[in-house]
mmCIF file of all heavy atoms, coordinates in Angstrom:
data_MODEL
# 
_entry.id   MODEL 
# 
loop_
_atom_site.group_PDB 
_atom_site.id 
_atom_site.type_symbol 
_atom_site.label_atom_id 
_atom_site.label_alt_id 
_atom_site.label_comp_id 
_atom_site.label_asym_id 
_atom_site.label_entity_id 
_atom_site.label_seq_id 
_atom_site.pdbx_PDB_ins_code 
_atom_site.Cartn_x 
_atom_site.Cartn_y 
_atom_site.Cartn_z 
_atom_site.occupancy 
_atom_site.B_iso_or_equiv 
_atom_site.pdbx_formal_charge 
_atom_site.auth_seq_id 
_atom_site.auth_comp_id 
_atom_site.auth_asym_id 
_atom_site.auth_atom_id 
_atom_site.pdbx_PDB_model_num 
ATOM 1   N N   . GLN A 1 1  ? 6.000   12.652 -18.129 1.00 0.00 ? 1  GLN A N   1 
ATOM 2   C CA  . GLN A 1 1  ? 7.223   13.181 -18.687 1.00 0.00 ? 1  GLN A CA  1 
ATOM 3   C C   . GLN A 1 1  ? 8.260   13.544 -17.597 1.00 0.00 ? 1  GLN A C   1 
ATOM 4   O O   . GLN A 1 1  ? 9.445   13.240 -17.707 1.00 0.00 ? 1  GLN A O   1 
ATOM 5   C CB  . GLN A 1 1  ? 6.980   14.346 -19.602 1.00 0.00 ? 1  GLN A CB  1 
ATOM 6   C CG  . GLN A 1 1  ? 8.186   14.862 -20.310 1.00 0.00 ? 1  GLN A CG  1 
ATOM 7   C CD  . GLN A 1 1  ? 7.820   15.951 -21.334 1.00 0.00 ? 1  GLN A CD  1 
ATOM 8   O OE1 . GLN A 1 1  ? 6.668   16.344 -21.468 1.00 0.00 ? 1  GLN A OE1 1 
ATOM 9   N NE2 . GLN A 1 1  ? 8.806   16.456 -22.070 1.00 0.00 ? 1  GLN A NE2 1 
ATOM 10  N N   . ALA A 1 2  ? 7.789   14.171 -16.575 1.00 0.00 ? 2  ALA A N   1 
ATOM 11  C CA  . ALA A 1 2  ? 8.640   14.608 -15.525 1.00 0.00 ? 2  ALA A CA  1 
ATOM 12  C C   . ALA A 1 2  ? 9.139   13.404 -14.676 1.00 0.00 ? 2  ALA A C   1 
ATOM 13  O O   . ALA A 1 2  ? 10.275  13.339 -14.255 1.00 0.00 ? 2  ALA A O   1 
ATOM 14  C CB  . ALA A 1 2  ? 7.893   15.579 -14.577 1.00 0.00 ? 2  ALA A CB  1 
ATOM 15  N N   . LEU A 1 3  ? 8.245   12.413 -14.491 1.00 0.00 ? 3  LEU A N   1 
ATOM 16  C CA  . LEU A 1 3  ? 8.636   11.160 -13.809 1.00 0.00 ? 3  LEU A CA  1 
ATOM 17  C C   . LEU A 1 3  ? 9.813   10.513 -14.487 1.00 0.00 ? 3  LEU A C   1 
ATOM 18  O O   . LEU A 1 3  ? 10.681  9.946  -13.795 1.00 0.00 ? 3  LEU A O   1 
ATOM 19  C CB  . LEU A 1 3  ? 7.435   10.300 -13.638 1.00 0.00 ? 3  LEU A CB  1 
ATOM 20  C CG  . LEU A 1 3  ? 6.385   10.664 -12.601 1.00 0.00 ? 3  LEU A CG  1 
ATOM 21  C CD1 . LEU A 1 3  ? 5.196   9.755  -12.712 1.00 0.00 ? 3  LEU A CD1 1 
ATOM 22  C CD2 . LEU A 1 3  ? 6.941   10.536 -11.215 1.00 0.00 ? 3  LEU A CD2 1 
ATOM 23  N N   . SER A 1 4  ? 9.754   10.463 -15.816 1.00 0.00 ? 4  SER A N   1 
ATOM 24  C CA  . SER A 1 4  ? 10.807  9.732  -16.538 1.00 0.00 ? 4  SER A CA  1 
ATOM 25  C C   . SER A 1 4  ? 12.176  10.371 -16.420 1.00 0.00 ? 4  SER A C   1 
ATOM 26  O O   . SER A 1 4  ? 13.171  9.710  -16.720 1.00 0.00 ? 4  SER A O   1 
ATOM 27  C CB  . SER A 1 4  ? 10.372  9.689  -18.042 1.00 0.00 ? 4  SER A CB  1 
ATOM 28  O OG  . SER A 1 4  ? 10.458  10.964 -18.648 1.00 0.00 ? 4  SER A OG  1 
ATOM 29  N N   . LYS A 1 5  ? 12.278  11.551 -15.897 1.00 0.00 ? 5  LYS A N   1 
ATOM 30  C CA  . LYS A 1 5  ? 13.582  12.220 -15.675 1.00 0.00 ? 5  LYS A CA  1 
ATOM 31  C C   . LYS A 1 5  ? 14.020  12.248 -14.273 1.00 0.00 ? 5  LYS A C   1 
ATOM 32  O O   . LYS A 1 5  ? 15.150  12.779 -14.026 1.00 0.00 ? 5  LYS A O   1 
ATOM 33  C CB  . LYS A 1 5  ? 13.418  13.642 -16.262 1.00 0.00 ? 5  LYS A CB  1 
ATOM 34  C CG  . LYS A 1 5  ? 12.996  13.716 -17.720 1.00 0.00 ? 5  LYS A CG  1 
ATOM 35  C CD  . LYS A 1 5  ? 12.915  15.144 -18.224 1.00 0.00 ? 5  LYS A CD  1 
ATOM 36  C CE  . LYS A 1 5  ? 12.458  15.263 -19.678 1.00 0.00 ? 5  LYS A CE  1 
ATOM 37  N NZ  . LYS A 1 5  ? 12.275  16.645 -20.065 1.00 0.00 ? 5  LYS A NZ  1 
ATOM 38  N N   . LEU A 1 6  ? 13.207  11.789 -13.357 1.00 0.00 ? 6  LEU A N   1 
ATOM 39  C CA  . LEU A 1 6  ? 13.597  11.862 -11.902 1.00 0.00 ? 6  LEU A CA  1 
ATOM 40  C C   . LEU A 1 6  ? 14.744  10.974 -11.652 1.00 0.00 ? 6  LEU A C   1 
ATOM 41  O O   . LEU A 1 6  ? 14.924  9.863  -12.163 1.00 0.00 ? 6  LEU A O   1 
ATOM 42  C CB  . LEU A 1 6  ? 12.365  11.460 -11.046 1.00 0.00 ? 6  LEU A CB  1 
ATOM 43  C CG  . LEU A 1 6  ? 11.308  12.435 -10.787 1.00 0.00 ? 6  LEU A CG  1 
ATOM 44  C CD1 . LEU A 1 6  ? 10.309  11.844 -9.736  1.00 0.00 ? 6  LEU A CD1 1 
ATOM 45  C CD2 . LEU A 1 6  ? 11.885  13.712 -10.180 1.00 0.00 ? 6  LEU A CD2 1 
ATOM 46  N N   . HIS A 1 7  ? 15.638  11.460 -10.747 1.00 0.00 ? 7  HIS A N   1 
ATOM 47  C CA  . HIS A 1 7  ? 16.757  10.665 -10.249 1.00 0.00 ? 7  HIS A CA  1 
ATOM 48  C C   . HIS A 1 7  ? 16.331  10.058 -8.919  1.00 0.00 ? 7  HIS A C   1 
ATOM 49  O O   . HIS A 1 7  ? 15.698  10.719 -8.074  1.00 0.00 ? 7  HIS A O   1 
ATOM 50  C CB  . HIS A 1 7  ? 17.965  11.537 -9.998  1.00 0.00 ? 7  HIS A CB  1 
ATOM 51  C CG  . HIS A 1 7  ? 18.542  12.066 -11.263 1.00 0.00 ? 7  HIS A CG  1 
ATOM 52  N ND1 . HIS A 1 7  ? 18.088  13.269 -11.795 1.00 0.00 ? 7  HIS A ND1 1 
ATOM 53  C CD2 . HIS A 1 7  ? 19.542  11.685 -12.106 1.00 0.00 ? 7  HIS A CD2 1 
ATOM 54  C CE1 . HIS A 1 7  ? 18.776  13.528 -12.956 1.00 0.00 ? 7  HIS A CE1 1 
ATOM 55  N NE2 . HIS A 1 7  ? 19.658  12.541 -13.101 1.00 0.00 ? 7  HIS A NE2 1 
ATOM 56  N N   . GLY A 1 8  ? 16.659  8.766  -8.663  1.00 0.00 ? 8  GLY A N   1 
ATOM 57  C CA  . GLY A 1 8  ? 16.350  8.178  -7.436  1.00 0.00 ? 8  GLY A CA  1 
ATOM 58  C C   . GLY A 1 8  ? 15.562  6.916  -7.579  1.00 0.00 ? 8  GLY A C   1 
ATOM 59  O O   . GLY A 1 8  ? 15.022  6.602  -8.627  1.00 0.00 ? 8  GLY A O   1 
ATOM 60  N N   . SER A 1 9  ? 15.466  6.130  -6.500  1.00 0.00 ? 9  SER A N   1 
ATOM 61  C CA  . SER A 1 9  ? 14.720  4.880  -6.419  1.00 0.00 ? 9  SER A CA  1 
ATOM 62  C C   . SER A 1 9  ? 13.571  5.097  -5.369  1.00 0.00 ? 9  SER A C   1 
ATOM 63  O O   . SER A 1 9  ? 13.839  5.555  -4.299  1.00 0.00 ? 9  SER A O   1 
ATOM 64  C CB  . SER A 1 9  ? 15.653  3.748  -5.961  1.00 0.00 ? 9  SER A CB  1 
ATOM 65  O OG  . SER A 1 9  ? 16.705  3.626  -6.841  1.00 0.00 ? 9  SER A OG  1 
ATOM 66  N N   . PHE A 1 10 ? 12.340  4.722  -5.777  1.00 0.00 ? 10 PHE A N   1 
ATOM 67  C CA  . PHE A 1 10 ? 11.247  5.021  -4.856  1.00 0.00 ? 10 PHE A CA  1 
ATOM 68  C C   . PHE A 1 10 ? 9.976   4.237  -5.203  1.00 0.00 ? 10 PHE A C   1 
ATOM 69  O O   . PHE A 1 10 ? 9.797   3.691  -6.278  1.00 0.00 ? 10 PHE A O   1 
ATOM 70  C CB  . PHE A 1 10 ? 10.917  6.542  -4.989  1.00 0.00 ? 10 PHE A CB  1 
ATOM 71  C CG  . PHE A 1 10 ? 10.564  6.935  -6.394  1.00 0.00 ? 10 PHE A CG  1 
ATOM 72  C CD1 . PHE A 1 10 ? 9.222   6.825  -6.913  1.00 0.00 ? 10 PHE A CD1 1 
ATOM 73  C CD2 . PHE A 1 10 ? 11.538  7.492  -7.192  1.00 0.00 ? 10 PHE A CD2 1 
ATOM 74  C CE1 . PHE A 1 10 ? 8.943   7.260  -8.229  1.00 0.00 ? 10 PHE A CE1 1 
ATOM 75  C CE2 . PHE A 1 10 ? 11.177  7.897  -8.507  1.00 0.00 ? 10 PHE A CE2 1 
ATOM 76  C CZ  . PHE A 1 10 ? 9.892   7.775  -8.970  1.00 0.00 ? 10 PHE A CZ  1 
ATOM 77  N N   . ILE A 1 11 ? 9.132   4.172  -4.190  1.00 0.00 ? 11 ILE A N   1 
ATOM 78  C CA  . ILE A 1 11 ? 7.690   3.871  -4.387  1.00 0.00 ? 11 ILE A CA  1 
ATOM 79  C C   . ILE A 1 11 ? 6.987   5.100  -3.769  1.00 0.00 ? 11 ILE A C   1 
ATOM 80  O O   . ILE A 1 11 ? 7.244   5.494  -2.642  1.00 0.00 ? 11 ILE A O   1 
ATOM 81  C CB  . ILE A 1 11 ? 7.246   2.581  -3.655  1.00 0.00 ? 11 ILE A CB  1 
ATOM 82  C CG1 . ILE A 1 11 ? 7.884   1.374  -4.326  1.00 0.00 ? 11 ILE A CG1 1 
ATOM 83  C CG2 . ILE A 1 11 ? 5.769   2.488  -3.677  1.00 0.00 ? 11 ILE A CG2 1 
ATOM 84  C CD1 . ILE A 1 11 ? 7.553   0.084  -3.602  1.00 0.00 ? 11 ILE A CD1 1 
ATOM 85  N N   . ALA A 1 12 ? 6.040   5.666  -4.485  1.00 0.00 ? 12 ALA A N   1 
ATOM 86  C CA  . ALA A 1 12 ? 5.248   6.730  -3.971  1.00 0.00 ? 12 ALA A CA  1 
ATOM 87  C C   . ALA A 1 12 ? 3.798   6.416  -4.044  1.00 0.00 ? 12 ALA A C   1 
ATOM 88  O O   . ALA A 1 12 ? 3.283   5.752  -4.958  1.00 0.00 ? 12 ALA A O   1 
ATOM 89  C CB  . ALA A 1 12 ? 5.440   7.989  -4.827  1.00 0.00 ? 12 ALA A CB  1 
ATOM 90  N N   . VAL A 1 13 ? 3.062   6.779  -2.978  1.00 0.00 ? 13 VAL A N   1 
ATOM 91  C CA  . VAL A 1 13 ? 1.593   6.565  -2.880  1.00 0.00 ? 13 VAL A CA  1 
ATOM 92  C C   . VAL A 1 13 ? 0.947   7.918  -2.831  1.00 0.00 ? 13 VAL A C   1 
ATOM 93  O O   . VAL A 1 13 ? 1.172   8.683  -1.880  1.00 0.00 ? 13 VAL A O   1 
ATOM 94  C CB  . VAL A 1 13 ? 1.184   5.708  -1.660  1.00 0.00 ? 13 VAL A CB  1 
ATOM 95  C CG1 . VAL A 1 13 ? -0.318  5.304  -1.796  1.00 0.00 ? 13 VAL A CG1 1 
ATOM 96  C CG2 . VAL A 1 13 ? 2.071   4.466  -1.569  1.00 0.00 ? 13 VAL A CG2 1 
ATOM 97  N N   . ARG A 1 14 ? 0.176   8.244  -3.803  1.00 0.00 ? 14 ARG A N   1 
ATOM 98  C CA  . ARG A 1 14 ? -0.425  9.546  -3.921  1.00 0.00 ? 14 ARG A CA  1 
ATOM 99  C C   . ARG A 1 14 ? -1.945  9.487  -3.484  1.00 0.00 ? 14 ARG A C   1 
ATOM 100 O O   . ARG A 1 14 ? -2.686  8.710  -3.995  1.00 0.00 ? 14 ARG A O   1 
ATOM 101 C CB  . ARG A 1 14 ? -0.338  10.057 -5.379  1.00 0.00 ? 14 ARG A CB  1 
ATOM 102 C CG  . ARG A 1 14 ? -0.971  11.407 -5.687  1.00 0.00 ? 14 ARG A CG  1 
ATOM 103 C CD  . ARG A 1 14 ? -0.772  11.694 -7.174  1.00 0.00 ? 14 ARG A CD  1 
ATOM 104 N NE  . ARG A 1 14 ? -1.365  12.903 -7.603  1.00 0.00 ? 14 ARG A NE  1 
ATOM 105 C CZ  . ARG A 1 14 ? -2.598  13.002 -8.049  1.00 0.00 ? 14 ARG A CZ  1 
ATOM 106 N NH1 . ARG A 1 14 ? -3.421  11.953 -8.070  1.00 0.00 ? 14 ARG A NH1 1 
ATOM 107 N NH2 . ARG A 1 14 ? -3.126  14.176 -8.476  1.00 0.00 ? 14 ARG A NH2 1 
ATOM 108 N N   . PHE A 1 15 ? -2.284  10.312 -2.548  1.00 0.00 ? 15 PHE A N   1 
ATOM 109 C CA  . PHE A 1 15 ? -3.667  10.379 -2.042  1.00 0.00 ? 15 PHE A CA  1 
ATOM 110 C C   . PHE A 1 15 ? -4.370  11.697 -2.425  1.00 0.00 ? 15 PHE A C   1 
ATOM 111 O O   . PHE A 1 15 ? -3.762  12.769 -2.265  1.00 0.00 ? 15 PHE A O   1 
ATOM 112 C CB  . PHE A 1 15 ? -3.736  10.278 -0.547  1.00 0.00 ? 15 PHE A CB  1 
ATOM 113 C CG  . PHE A 1 15 ? -3.436  8.912  0.035   1.00 0.00 ? 15 PHE A CG  1 
ATOM 114 C CD1 . PHE A 1 15 ? -2.200  8.574  0.446   1.00 0.00 ? 15 PHE A CD1 1 
ATOM 115 C CD2 . PHE A 1 15 ? -4.505  8.004  0.154   1.00 0.00 ? 15 PHE A CD2 1 
ATOM 116 C CE1 . PHE A 1 15 ? -1.920  7.330  0.968   1.00 0.00 ? 15 PHE A CE1 1 
ATOM 117 C CE2 . PHE A 1 15 ? -4.217  6.732  0.711   1.00 0.00 ? 15 PHE A CE2 1 
ATOM 118 C CZ  . PHE A 1 15 ? -2.961  6.384  1.062   1.00 0.00 ? 15 PHE A CZ  1 
ATOM 119 N N   . ASN A 1 16 ? -5.550  11.490 -2.978  1.00 0.00 ? 16 ASN A N   1 
ATOM 120 C CA  . ASN A 1 16 ? -6.402  12.621 -3.180  1.00 0.00 ? 16 ASN A CA  1 
ATOM 121 C C   . ASN A 1 16 ? -7.571  12.479 -2.233  1.00 0.00 ? 16 ASN A C   1 
ATOM 122 O O   . ASN A 1 16 ? -8.529  11.711 -2.542  1.00 0.00 ? 16 ASN A O   1 
ATOM 123 C CB  . ASN A 1 16 ? -6.911  12.796 -4.649  1.00 0.00 ? 16 ASN A CB  1 
ATOM 124 C CG  . ASN A 1 16 ? -7.645  13.987 -4.890  1.00 0.00 ? 16 ASN A CG  1 
ATOM 125 O OD1 . ASN A 1 16 ? -8.460  14.487 -4.100  1.00 0.00 ? 16 ASN A OD1 1 
ATOM 126 N ND2 . ASN A 1 16 ? -7.445  14.642 -6.098  1.00 0.00 ? 16 ASN A ND2 1 
ATOM 127 N N   . LYS A 1 17 ? -7.492  13.074 -1.040  1.00 0.00 ? 17 LYS A N   1 
ATOM 128 C CA  . LYS A 1 17 ? -8.472  12.774 -0.039  1.00 0.00 ? 17 LYS A CA  1 
ATOM 129 C C   . LYS A 1 17 ? -9.892  13.317 -0.437  1.00 0.00 ? 17 LYS A C   1 
ATOM 130 O O   . LYS A 1 17 ? -10.886 12.780 -0.019  1.00 0.00 ? 17 LYS A O   1 
ATOM 131 C CB  . LYS A 1 17 ? -8.064  13.444 1.306   1.00 0.00 ? 17 LYS A CB  1 
ATOM 132 C CG  . LYS A 1 17 ? -6.756  12.872 1.801   1.00 0.00 ? 17 LYS A CG  1 
ATOM 133 C CD  . LYS A 1 17 ? -6.324  13.493 3.117   1.00 0.00 ? 17 LYS A CD  1 
ATOM 134 C CE  . LYS A 1 17 ? -5.024  12.940 3.616   1.00 0.00 ? 17 LYS A CE  1 
ATOM 135 N NZ  . LYS A 1 17 ? -4.588  13.547 4.895   1.00 0.00 ? 17 LYS A NZ  1 
ATOM 136 N N   . THR A 1 18 ? -9.951  14.415 -1.196  1.00 0.00 ? 18 THR A N   1 
ATOM 137 C CA  . THR A 1 18 ? -11.235 15.001 -1.613  1.00 0.00 ? 18 THR A CA  1 
ATOM 138 C C   . THR A 1 18 ? -11.939 14.040 -2.514  1.00 0.00 ? 18 THR A C   1 
ATOM 139 O O   . THR A 1 18 ? -13.148 13.760 -2.331  1.00 0.00 ? 18 THR A O   1 
ATOM 140 C CB  . THR A 1 18 ? -10.964 16.386 -2.337  1.00 0.00 ? 18 THR A CB  1 
ATOM 141 O OG1 . THR A 1 18 ? -10.283 17.174 -1.416  1.00 0.00 ? 18 THR A OG1 1 
ATOM 142 C CG2 . THR A 1 18 ? -12.368 16.957 -2.638  1.00 0.00 ? 18 THR A CG2 1 
ATOM 143 N N   . GLN A 1 19 ? -11.289 13.496 -3.524  1.00 0.00 ? 19 GLN A N   1 
ATOM 144 C CA  . GLN A 1 19 ? -11.904 12.594 -4.498  1.00 0.00 ? 19 GLN A CA  1 
ATOM 145 C C   . GLN A 1 19 ? -11.786 11.138 -4.081  1.00 0.00 ? 19 GLN A C   1 
ATOM 146 O O   . GLN A 1 19 ? -12.240 10.258 -4.850  1.00 0.00 ? 19 GLN A O   1 
ATOM 147 C CB  . GLN A 1 19 ? -11.219 12.791 -5.870  1.00 0.00 ? 19 GLN A CB  1 
ATOM 148 C CG  . GLN A 1 19 ? -11.379 14.232 -6.396  1.00 0.00 ? 19 GLN A CG  1 
ATOM 149 C CD  . GLN A 1 19 ? -10.721 14.389 -7.729  1.00 0.00 ? 19 GLN A CD  1 
ATOM 150 O OE1 . GLN A 1 19 ? -10.261 13.489 -8.412  1.00 0.00 ? 19 GLN A OE1 1 
ATOM 151 N NE2 . GLN A 1 19 ? -10.679 15.638 -8.179  1.00 0.00 ? 19 GLN A NE2 1 
ATOM 152 N N   . LYS A 1 20 ? -11.163 10.856 -3.001  1.00 0.00 ? 20 LYS A N   1 
ATOM 153 C CA  . LYS A 1 20 ? -10.973 9.434  -2.503  1.00 0.00 ? 20 LYS A CA  1 
ATOM 154 C C   . LYS A 1 20 ? -10.318 8.560  -3.565  1.00 0.00 ? 20 LYS A C   1 
ATOM 155 O O   . LYS A 1 20 ? -10.748 7.463  -3.909  1.00 0.00 ? 20 LYS A O   1 
ATOM 156 C CB  . LYS A 1 20 ? -12.240 8.883  -2.063  1.00 0.00 ? 20 LYS A CB  1 
ATOM 157 C CG  . LYS A 1 20 ? -12.912 9.556  -0.918  1.00 0.00 ? 20 LYS A CG  1 
ATOM 158 C CD  . LYS A 1 20 ? -14.206 8.917  -0.429  1.00 0.00 ? 20 LYS A CD  1 
ATOM 159 C CE  . LYS A 1 20 ? -14.794 9.625  0.752   1.00 0.00 ? 20 LYS A CE  1 
ATOM 160 N NZ  . LYS A 1 20 ? -16.081 9.030  1.236   1.00 0.00 ? 20 LYS A NZ  1 
ATOM 161 N N   . GLN A 1 21 ? -9.202  9.088  -4.078  1.00 0.00 ? 21 GLN A N   1 
ATOM 162 C CA  . GLN A 1 21 ? -8.423  8.391  -5.086  1.00 0.00 ? 21 GLN A CA  1 
ATOM 163 C C   . GLN A 1 21 ? -7.019  8.060  -4.530  1.00 0.00 ? 21 GLN A C   1 
ATOM 164 O O   . GLN A 1 21 ? -6.455  8.839  -3.795  1.00 0.00 ? 21 GLN A O   1 
ATOM 165 C CB  . GLN A 1 21 ? -8.302  9.169  -6.398  1.00 0.00 ? 21 GLN A CB  1 
ATOM 166 C CG  . GLN A 1 21 ? -9.628  9.365  -7.149  1.00 0.00 ? 21 GLN A CG  1 
ATOM 167 C CD  . GLN A 1 21 ? -9.459  10.236 -8.386  1.00 0.00 ? 21 GLN A CD  1 
ATOM 168 O OE1 . GLN A 1 21 ? -8.297  10.557 -8.790  1.00 0.00 ? 21 GLN A OE1 1 
ATOM 169 N NE2 . GLN A 1 21 ? -10.574 10.541 -8.971  1.00 0.00 ? 21 GLN A NE2 1 
ATOM 170 N N   . LEU A 1 22 ? -6.468  6.966  -5.050  1.00 0.00 ? 22 LEU A N   1 
ATOM 171 C CA  . LEU A 1 22 ? -5.161  6.579  -4.561  1.00 0.00 ? 22 LEU A CA  1 
ATOM 172 C C   . LEU A 1 22 ? -4.359  6.149  -5.868  1.00 0.00 ? 22 LEU A C   1 
ATOM 173 O O   . LEU A 1 22 ? -4.902  5.362  -6.703  1.00 0.00 ? 22 LEU A O   1 
ATOM 174 C CB  . LEU A 1 22 ? -5.290  5.399  -3.588  1.00 0.00 ? 22 LEU A CB  1 
ATOM 175 C CG  . LEU A 1 22 ? -4.040  4.789  -2.982  1.00 0.00 ? 22 LEU A CG  1 
ATOM 176 C CD1 . LEU A 1 22 ? -4.345  4.201  -1.636  1.00 0.00 ? 22 LEU A CD1 1 
ATOM 177 C CD2 . LEU A 1 22 ? -3.431  3.661  -3.893  1.00 0.00 ? 22 LEU A CD2 1 
ATOM 178 N N   . SER A 1 23 ? -3.089  6.532  -5.904  1.00 0.00 ? 23 SER A N   1 
ATOM 179 C CA  . SER A 1 23 ? -2.237  6.121  -7.010  1.00 0.00 ? 23 SER A CA  1 
ATOM 180 C C   . SER A 1 23 ? -0.932  5.553  -6.504  1.00 0.00 ? 23 SER A C   1 
ATOM 181 O O   . SER A 1 23 ? -0.363  6.119  -5.569  1.00 0.00 ? 23 SER A O   1 
ATOM 182 C CB  . SER A 1 23 ? -1.892  7.287  -7.950  1.00 0.00 ? 23 SER A CB  1 
ATOM 183 O OG  . SER A 1 23 ? -3.139  7.800  -8.570  1.00 0.00 ? 23 SER A OG  1 
ATOM 184 N N   . LEU A 1 24 ? -0.482  4.510  -7.064  1.00 0.00 ? 24 LEU A N   1 
ATOM 185 C CA  . LEU A 1 24 ? 0.852   3.898  -6.783  1.00 0.00 ? 24 LEU A CA  1 
ATOM 186 C C   . LEU A 1 24 ? 1.788   4.202  -7.911  1.00 0.00 ? 24 LEU A C   1 
ATOM 187 O O   . LEU A 1 24 ? 1.500   3.903  -9.085  1.00 0.00 ? 24 LEU A O   1 
ATOM 188 C CB  . LEU A 1 24 ? 0.711   2.375  -6.605  1.00 0.00 ? 24 LEU A CB  1 
ATOM 189 C CG  . LEU A 1 24 ? -0.172  1.934  -5.398  1.00 0.00 ? 24 LEU A CG  1 
ATOM 190 C CD1 . LEU A 1 24 ? -0.336  0.406  -5.526  1.00 0.00 ? 24 LEU A CD1 1 
ATOM 191 C CD2 . LEU A 1 24 ? 0.481   2.273  -4.122  1.00 0.00 ? 24 LEU A CD2 1 
# 
């Protein structure tokens, strides 16, 4: 819901180092 309201152009890569997860 919050992402749908963001202003700007981007690619974000989210790391959870503890759980060894990655999100694009």
